[in-house]
Amino acid sequence: MVIVAFLLYLALVGTFVLAMWQIWAKAGYNGAWSLLMFIPVVNLASFFYLAFSDWPVHRMLGGPDDFR
């Protein structure tokens, strides 16, 4: 029973990291930033950085200065 719970936990964590990897990559950052989600407090800081920073993909597209 413990092994099944552990495998389920690993599957959920892996899915979360994969999803965050895609979000970081689509924003124009290196997807490895998603690994910061494993570090307490740093995960919150990286989340807020992602939420409120200017994304490199916006600069590459050359659109309006403010997408908000």
Protein backbone atom coordinates (compact mmCIF):
# COMPACT_ATOMS: atom_id res chain seq x y z
CA MET A 1 0.00 0.00 0.00
CA VAL A 2 2.83 2.40 0.85
CA ILE A 3 4.53 1.65 -2.46
CA VAL A 4 1.37 2.46 -4.40
CA ALA A 5 0.98 5.75 -2.53
CA PHE A 6 4.62 6.61 -3.20
CA LEU A 7 4.27 5.84 -6.91
CA LEU A 8 1.12 7.95 -7.09
CA TYR A 9 2.97 10.78 -5.35
CA LEU A 10 5.85 10.55 -7.85
CA ALA A 11 3.41 10.57 -10.76
CA LEU A 12 1.67 13.69 -9.43
CA VAL A 13 4.95 15.51 -8.77
CA GLY A 14 6.25 14.54 -12.20
CA THR A 15 3.09 15.80 -13.86
CA PHE A 16 3.31 19.09 -11.98
CA VAL A 17 6.97 19.61 -12.90
CA LEU A 18 6.25 18.76 -16.54
CA ALA A 19 3.39 21.28 -16.62
CA MET A 20 5.50 23.99 -15.00
CA TRP A 21 8.34 23.19 -17.45
CA GLN A 22 5.95 23.90 -20.33
CA ILE A 23 4.71 27.15 -18.78
CA TRP A 24 8.26 28.44 -18.26
CA ALA A 25 9.24 27.39 -21.80
CA LYS A 26 6.19 29.05 -23.38
CA ALA A 27 7.01 32.23 -21.50
CA GLY A 28 10.43 32.22 -23.15
CA TYR A 29 12.49 31.05 -20.19
CA ASN A 30 14.48 27.86 -19.77
CA GLY A 31 12.14 25.10 -18.61
CA ALA A 32 14.64 24.08 -15.94
CA TRP A 33 13.27 26.96 -13.85
CA SER A 34 10.44 24.57 -13.00
CA LEU A 35 12.85 22.59 -10.80
CA LEU A 36 12.80 25.51 -8.36
CA MET A 37 9.33 24.30 -7.37
CA PHE A 38 11.03 21.69 -5.16
CA ILE A 39 12.64 24.33 -2.90
CA PRO A 40 10.38 25.83 -0.22
CA VAL A 41 10.02 29.64 -0.30
CA VAL A 42 12.06 29.77 -3.53
CA ASN A 43 9.08 28.16 -5.27
CA LEU A 44 6.88 31.08 -4.25
CA ALA A 45 9.47 33.62 -5.32
CA SER A 46 9.89 31.97 -8.73
CA PHE A 47 6.12 31.81 -9.16
CA PHE A 48 5.77 35.54 -8.49
CA TYR A 49 8.73 36.25 -10.77
CA LEU A 50 7.00 34.35 -13.55
CA ALA A 51 3.71 36.10 -12.90
CA PHE A 52 4.97 39.68 -12.79
CA SER A 53 8.10 39.82 -14.95
CA ASP A 54 8.26 40.80 -18.60
CA TRP A 55 8.44 37.56 -20.55
CA PRO A 56 11.17 37.15 -23.18
CA VAL A 57 8.63 35.75 -25.62
CA HIS A 58 6.86 39.13 -25.69
CA ARG A 59 10.10 40.85 -26.68
CA MET A 60 10.75 38.24 -29.38
CA LEU A 61 7.28 38.71 -30.87
CA GLY A 62 7.77 42.48 -31.03
CA GLY A 63 4.17 43.25 -30.09
CA PRO A 64 2.81 45.90 -27.78
CA ASP A 65 4.94 46.86 -24.79
CA ASP A 66 2.25 45.87 -22.29
CA PHE A 67 0.24 42.66 -22.72
CA ARG A 68 -1.60 43.00 -19.43
